[in-house]
Amino acid sequence: MIFAQVFVGVLLPIAVMFMLGWWIDRRFRLDLATLVKLNIHVVVPAFIFYEVVSSDLHSALAWRVVIFTFITIAGMGVISFWVGRLAGYPREQTRALQLATMFYNSGNYGIPLMALAFPGIGPILQVFVVITQNVSTFTIGLFLANSARRGGWHAAVPMLRQVSLWAVGSAFLVRWLGLPVMSWPWLWTPVTYLHAALVGIALITLGAQLSQTRARQNAGRLSWAVGLRLLGGPLLACALAPLFGFRGEIARIMVVSTGFPTAVNTALIAHECDADPEFAAAAVFYSTLASMITVTALVTFSRMSLPFPLQ
């Protein structure tokens, strides 16, 4: 029953939003550049600000989750870098492969799935994964996207212009100063509305991007991206979980959280930075489709009693 619930409650709505964005673009030919800028400069920063301000960041477990997620991101970046080097991909294609494997859909896909598969502590821990993923995507991910065409400090300059990075800094400043921003309706109400809008706008944008993307992609590179994202992430997490002292249900939650498909935000920044955006959109689309099988198998495996370090 849990798998039917996951499909109907999480995967099917995501597919519907994809198709809605695809259909609207086919009908009206949307301005994709404007949609991407709306996501990156308005909706995503509001989402990050809301999550950081409203979350309990003082828990030792929460910080272990944050560090675990960051190391998983870094580990996948190293693995995909060497895969690209060994396969002989040029720098632009290697960077696109790294983006597709390092950053996963922890928010609009991960949180509702955790609520169904691990009710209680699952969604709570997933919030800290979401924060880490979003901050990393708009710092490390943006650097990788820009470094595909330029090197050195020039690739880091666009990070300083990212509203999302300033949203993170502002949110931590608010917490440090103890400012009661949640009682300021002139600020918190718009932030709340934009936070709630992220899932719909991001998925419709991705559907429009897929509509304007050439269907044919390099099958080998796309297979590496999907395979590393959906299978490599959980395998790496299995090795890391005992090192962080994760056991039982918490360990299962952390491993499952690394098996989600490529993040929608990677397609947005790839388009913004002109870093192989068609491959990025295809990686999001095909990894989301394939995850219907792999995530179901991962949840099943996590519930089985096996001689495994997560027990």
Protein backbone atom coordinates (compact mmCIF):
# COMPACT_ATOMS: atom_id res chain seq x y z
CA MET A 1 0.00 0.00 0.00
CA ILE A 2 2.83 2.40 0.78
CA PHE A 3 4.11 2.18 -2.81
CA ALA A 4 0.66 2.92 -4.23
CA GLN A 5 0.44 5.90 -1.88
CA VAL A 6 3.90 7.13 -2.91
CA PHE A 7 3.01 6.89 -6.59
CA VAL A 8 -0.41 8.53 -6.31
CA GLY A 9 0.53 11.09 -3.67
CA VAL A 10 4.02 12.12 -4.86
CA LEU A 11 5.07 10.86 -8.29
CA LEU A 12 1.78 11.31 -10.14
CA PRO A 13 1.32 14.97 -9.07
CA ILE A 14 4.90 15.71 -10.17
CA ALA A 15 4.19 14.13 -13.56
CA VAL A 16 0.97 16.14 -13.87
CA MET A 17 2.84 19.41 -13.21
CA PHE A 18 5.52 18.45 -15.75
CA MET A 19 2.87 17.80 -18.37
CA LEU A 20 0.99 21.00 -17.53
CA GLY A 21 4.13 23.06 -18.10
CA TRP A 22 4.84 21.14 -21.30
CA TRP A 23 1.27 21.66 -22.59
CA ILE A 24 1.15 25.37 -21.74
CA ASP A 25 4.45 25.94 -23.55
CA ARG A 26 3.22 24.01 -26.59
CA ARG A 27 0.04 26.09 -26.57
CA PHE A 28 1.45 29.57 -25.87
CA ARG A 29 5.26 29.24 -26.30
CA LEU A 30 6.35 30.66 -22.94
CA ASP A 31 9.35 32.93 -22.37
CA LEU A 32 11.61 30.41 -20.68
CA ALA A 33 14.29 32.94 -19.70
CA THR A 34 11.72 34.95 -17.74
CA LEU A 35 10.42 31.84 -15.95
CA VAL A 36 13.95 30.83 -14.95
CA LYS A 37 14.73 34.29 -13.59
CA LEU A 38 11.45 34.27 -11.62
CA ASN A 39 12.50 30.99 -10.01
CA ILE A 40 16.11 31.85 -9.28
CA HIS A 41 15.74 35.46 -8.17
CA VAL A 42 12.37 35.41 -6.37
CA VAL A 43 10.82 32.05 -5.50
CA VAL A 44 13.89 30.00 -4.51
CA PRO A 45 15.39 32.74 -2.28
CA ALA A 46 12.05 33.11 -0.48
CA PHE A 47 11.90 29.33 0.03
CA ILE A 48 15.41 29.20 1.50
CA PHE A 49 14.80 32.21 3.75
CA TYR A 50 11.58 30.66 5.07
CA GLU A 51 13.17 27.27 5.75
CA VAL A 52 16.23 28.63 7.56
CA VAL A 53 14.29 31.10 9.69
CA SER A 54 11.52 28.68 10.68
CA SER A 55 13.63 25.54 11.27
CA ASP A 56 15.29 24.39 14.50
CA LEU A 57 18.99 24.61 13.66
CA HIS A 58 20.23 24.06 17.21
CA SER A 59 19.83 20.28 17.32
CA ALA A 60 23.04 18.21 17.21
CA LEU A 61 21.23 15.66 15.04
CA ALA A 62 20.20 18.39 12.63
CA TRP A 63 23.79 19.50 12.16
CA ARG A 64 24.90 15.89 11.62
CA VAL A 65 22.27 15.65 8.88
CA VAL A 66 23.57 18.87 7.31
CA ILE A 67 27.20 17.68 7.33
CA PHE A 68 26.23 14.22 6.09
CA THR A 69 24.31 15.74 3.18
CA PHE A 70 27.17 18.07 2.29
CA ILE A 71 29.72 15.24 2.28
CA THR A 72 27.38 13.15 0.12
CA ILE A 73 27.16 16.03 -2.36
CA ALA A 74 30.95 16.42 -2.40
CA GLY A 75 31.49 12.67 -2.76
CA MET A 76 29.14 12.45 -5.72
CA GLY A 77 30.92 15.42 -7.27
CA VAL A 78 34.28 13.65 -7.04
CA ILE A 79 32.89 10.37 -8.40
CA SER A 80 31.14 12.01 -11.37
CA PHE A 81 34.25 14.11 -12.09
CA TRP A 82 36.37 10.97 -12.48
CA VAL A 83 33.68 9.25 -14.52
CA GLY A 84 33.74 12.23 -16.88
CA ARG A 85 37.53 12.20 -17.05
CA LEU A 86 37.76 8.46 -17.69
CA ALA A 87 35.02 8.66 -20.33
CA GLY A 88 36.89 11.46 -22.09
CA TYR A 89 34.13 14.08 -21.76
CA PRO A 90 35.14 17.72 -22.32
CA ARG A 91 34.93 20.07 -19.35
CA GLU A 92 31.46 21.38 -20.24
CA GLN A 93 29.98 17.88 -20.35
CA THR A 94 31.77 16.79 -17.17
CA ARG A 95 30.38 19.81 -15.32
CA ALA A 96 26.87 19.00 -16.57
CA LEU A 97 27.31 15.41 -15.36
CA GLN A 98 28.40 16.66 -11.94
CA LEU A 99 25.38 18.95 -11.65
CA ALA A 100 23.04 16.08 -12.54
CA THR A 101 24.49 13.70 -9.94
CA MET A 102 25.38 15.94 -6.99
CA PHE A 103 22.10 17.76 -6.41
CA TYR A 104 18.82 15.92 -5.92
CA ASN A 105 15.15 16.77 -5.58
CA SER A 106 14.98 16.84 -1.80
CA GLY A 107 12.10 19.32 -1.51
CA ASN A 108 8.97 18.88 -3.60
CA TYR A 109 9.82 15.20 -4.16
CA GLY A 110 11.62 14.28 -0.93
CA ILE A 111 9.49 15.87 1.79
CA PRO A 112 6.11 14.38 0.75
CA LEU A 113 7.73 10.99 0.11
CA MET A 114 9.29 11.02 3.57
CA ALA A 115 5.92 11.94 5.07
CA LEU A 116 4.46 8.79 3.52
CA ALA A 117 7.35 6.36 3.94
CA PHE A 118 8.67 7.55 7.32
CA PRO A 119 5.93 9.57 9.05
CA GLY A 120 7.08 11.47 12.09
CA ILE A 121 10.81 12.11 12.02
CA GLY A 122 11.26 11.59 8.26
CA PRO A 123 9.92 14.98 7.07
CA ILE A 124 11.66 16.77 9.97
CA LEU A 125 15.10 15.45 9.00
CA GLN A 126 14.34 16.06 5.33
CA VAL A 127 13.96 19.80 5.97
CA PHE A 128 17.66 20.02 6.85
CA VAL A 129 18.54 18.06 3.73
CA VAL A 130 16.51 20.60 1.72
CA ILE A 131 18.35 23.54 3.29
CA THR A 132 21.77 21.99 2.61
CA GLN A 133 20.83 21.08 -0.94
CA ASN A 134 19.49 24.53 -1.80
CA VAL A 135 22.46 26.38 -0.31
CA SER A 136 24.92 24.02 -2.05
CA THR A 137 23.10 24.23 -5.38
CA PHE A 138 23.30 28.02 -5.51
CA THR A 139 26.94 28.15 -4.39
CA ILE A 140 28.84 25.02 -5.47
CA GLY A 141 26.39 24.20 -8.26
CA LEU A 142 26.45 27.71 -9.65
CA PHE A 143 30.26 27.71 -9.54
CA LEU A 144 30.37 24.43 -11.49
CA ALA A 145 27.88 25.72 -14.06
CA ASN A 146 29.90 28.88 -14.64
CA SER A 147 33.23 27.05 -14.64
CA ALA A 148 32.05 25.05 -17.65
CA ARG A 149 32.91 28.09 -19.80
CA ARG A 150 35.24 30.14 -17.62
CA GLY A 151 37.84 29.28 -15.02
CA GLY A 152 39.40 30.69 -11.88
CA TRP A 153 37.81 33.47 -9.85
CA HIS A 154 35.65 34.49 -12.82
CA ALA A 155 33.50 31.42 -12.18
CA ALA A 156 32.95 32.45 -8.55
CA VAL A 157 31.89 36.05 -9.24
CA PRO A 158 28.29 35.19 -10.27
CA MET A 159 27.79 33.50 -6.87
CA LEU A 160 28.03 36.90 -5.20
CA ARG A 161 25.15 38.16 -7.33
CA GLN A 162 22.84 35.30 -6.40
CA VAL A 163 19.83 36.36 -4.35
CA SER A 164 19.66 32.84 -2.84
CA LEU A 165 23.09 33.25 -1.24
CA TRP A 166 22.07 36.58 0.27
CA ALA A 167 18.81 34.98 1.45
CA VAL A 168 20.82 32.39 3.40
CA GLY A 169 23.02 35.07 4.99
CA SER A 170 20.01 37.22 5.84
CA ALA A 171 18.17 34.29 7.40
CA PHE A 172 21.11 33.36 9.64
CA LEU A 173 21.50 37.04 10.60
CA VAL A 174 17.82 37.15 11.55
CA ARG A 175 18.26 34.09 13.76
CA TRP A 176 21.45 35.43 15.35
CA LEU A 177 19.86 38.80 16.17
CA GLY A 178 16.61 37.18 17.27
CA LEU A 179 14.49 39.39 15.02
CA PRO A 180 10.78 38.43 15.17
CA VAL A 181 10.30 38.48 11.40
CA MET A 182 7.53 35.87 11.56
CA SER A 183 5.40 38.44 13.39
CA TRP A 184 5.93 41.03 10.65
CA PRO A 185 3.04 40.38 8.23
CA TRP A 186 4.36 42.86 5.67
CA LEU A 187 7.41 40.61 5.23
CA TRP A 188 6.47 37.12 6.39
CA THR A 189 3.17 36.85 4.49
CA PRO A 190 4.79 37.42 1.05
CA VAL A 191 7.63 35.07 1.98
CA THR A 192 5.10 32.41 2.99
CA TYR A 193 3.20 32.76 -0.28
CA LEU A 194 6.38 32.51 -2.34
CA HIS A 195 7.58 29.54 -0.27
CA ALA A 196 4.36 27.69 -1.08
CA ALA A 197 4.66 28.60 -4.76
CA LEU A 198 8.05 26.94 -5.30
CA VAL A 199 6.84 23.46 -6.19
CA GLY A 200 4.26 24.53 -8.75
CA ILE A 201 6.31 27.22 -10.47
CA ALA A 202 9.51 25.15 -10.58
CA LEU A 203 7.78 22.09 -12.06
CA ILE A 204 5.83 24.09 -14.63
CA THR A 205 9.09 25.82 -15.59
CA LEU A 206 10.79 22.45 -16.00
CA GLY A 207 7.88 21.21 -18.14
CA ALA A 208 8.27 24.25 -20.38
CA GLN A 209 12.01 23.66 -20.54
CA LEU A 210 11.46 20.04 -21.55
CA SER A 211 9.05 21.22 -24.24
CA GLN A 212 11.80 23.38 -25.71
CA THR A 213 14.53 20.73 -25.33
CA ARG A 214 15.70 18.41 -28.06
CA ALA A 215 14.66 14.91 -27.10
CA ARG A 216 17.85 13.28 -28.33
CA GLN A 217 20.73 13.25 -25.86
CA ASN A 218 23.96 11.32 -25.52
CA ALA A 219 22.62 8.01 -24.18
CA GLY A 220 25.88 7.04 -22.50
CA ARG A 221 26.32 10.27 -20.58
CA LEU A 222 22.63 10.40 -19.68
CA SER A 223 22.80 6.80 -18.40
CA TRP A 224 25.78 7.69 -16.23
CA ALA A 225 23.92 10.69 -14.83
CA VAL A 226 20.76 8.75 -14.01
CA GLY A 227 22.63 5.71 -12.67
CA LEU A 228 24.98 7.67 -10.45
CA ARG A 229 22.17 9.85 -9.12
CA LEU A 230 19.69 7.08 -8.30
CA LEU A 231 22.07 4.23 -7.37
CA GLY A 232 25.43 5.80 -6.59
CA GLY A 233 24.01 8.23 -4.05
CA PRO A 234 22.41 5.56 -1.81
CA LEU A 235 25.49 3.33 -2.04
CA LEU A 236 27.71 6.20 -0.90
CA ALA A 237 25.22 7.02 1.87
CA CYS A 238 25.32 3.40 3.09
CA ALA A 239 29.06 3.74 3.58
CA LEU A 240 28.82 7.15 5.28
CA ALA A 241 25.84 6.52 7.60
CA PRO A 242 27.73 4.42 10.22
CA LEU A 243 30.50 7.04 10.36
CA PHE A 244 27.92 9.60 11.51
CA GLY A 245 26.43 7.28 14.09
CA PHE A 246 23.16 6.88 12.20
CA ARG A 247 21.31 3.69 13.13
CA GLY A 248 17.86 2.18 12.67
CA GLU A 249 15.14 4.36 11.18
CA ILE A 250 17.30 7.49 11.07
CA ALA A 251 19.92 5.65 9.02
CA ARG A 252 17.25 4.35 6.64
CA ILE A 253 15.83 7.84 6.22
CA MET A 254 19.24 9.31 5.40
CA VAL A 255 20.03 6.61 2.85
CA VAL A 256 16.65 6.93 1.14
CA SER A 257 17.04 10.72 1.07
CA THR A 258 20.11 10.38 -1.21
CA GLY A 259 18.27 8.31 -3.84
CA PHE A 260 15.99 11.01 -5.20
CA PRO A 261 16.13 12.24 -8.83
CA THR A 262 18.13 15.21 -10.10
CA ALA A 263 17.03 18.55 -8.65
CA VAL A 264 14.88 20.85 -10.75
CA ASN A 265 17.13 23.75 -9.71
CA THR A 266 20.05 22.26 -11.64
CA ALA A 267 18.10 22.69 -14.87
CA LEU A 268 17.33 26.29 -13.88
CA ILE A 269 20.94 27.29 -13.22
CA ALA A 270 22.16 25.35 -16.28
CA HIS A 271 19.78 27.44 -18.39
CA GLU A 272 20.79 30.66 -16.62
CA CYS A 273 24.52 29.95 -17.13
CA ASP A 274 24.18 28.31 -20.57
CA ALA A 275 25.80 25.14 -19.17
CA ASP A 276 24.35 22.39 -21.37
CA PRO A 277 20.73 23.18 -20.32
CA GLU A 278 19.18 20.54 -22.59
CA PHE A 279 21.18 17.75 -20.95
CA ALA A 280 20.31 19.14 -17.51
CA ALA A 281 16.58 19.15 -18.30
CA ALA A 282 16.78 15.62 -19.73
CA ALA A 283 18.63 14.40 -16.61
CA VAL A 284 15.84 15.77 -14.39
CA PHE A 285 13.12 14.24 -16.55
CA TYR A 286 14.58 10.75 -17.00
CA SER A 287 15.88 10.44 -13.45
CA THR A 288 12.40 11.33 -12.18
CA LEU A 289 10.82 8.65 -14.37
CA ALA A 290 13.40 6.02 -13.39
CA SER A 291 13.03 6.91 -9.70
CA MET A 292 9.53 5.43 -9.73
CA ILE A 293 11.27 2.04 -9.76
CA THR A 294 14.49 2.75 -7.90
CA VAL A 295 13.00 4.70 -4.99
CA THR A 296 10.32 2.05 -4.54
CA ALA A 297 13.06 -0.60 -4.40
CA LEU A 298 15.14 1.55 -2.04
CA VAL A 299 12.27 1.99 0.42
CA THR A 300 11.60 -1.76 0.25
CA PHE A 301 15.26 -2.56 0.91
CA SER A 302 15.37 -0.10 3.82
CA ARG A 303 12.48 -1.93 5.49
CA MET A 304 14.00 -5.42 5.16
CA SER A 305 15.85 -7.02 8.07
CA LEU A 306 19.27 -7.64 6.60
CA PRO A 307 22.78 -7.86 8.13
CA PHE A 308 23.41 -4.27 7.17
CA PRO A 309 25.34 -1.49 8.99
CA LEU A 310 22.13 0.59 9.15
CA GLN A 311 20.43 -1.80 11.61
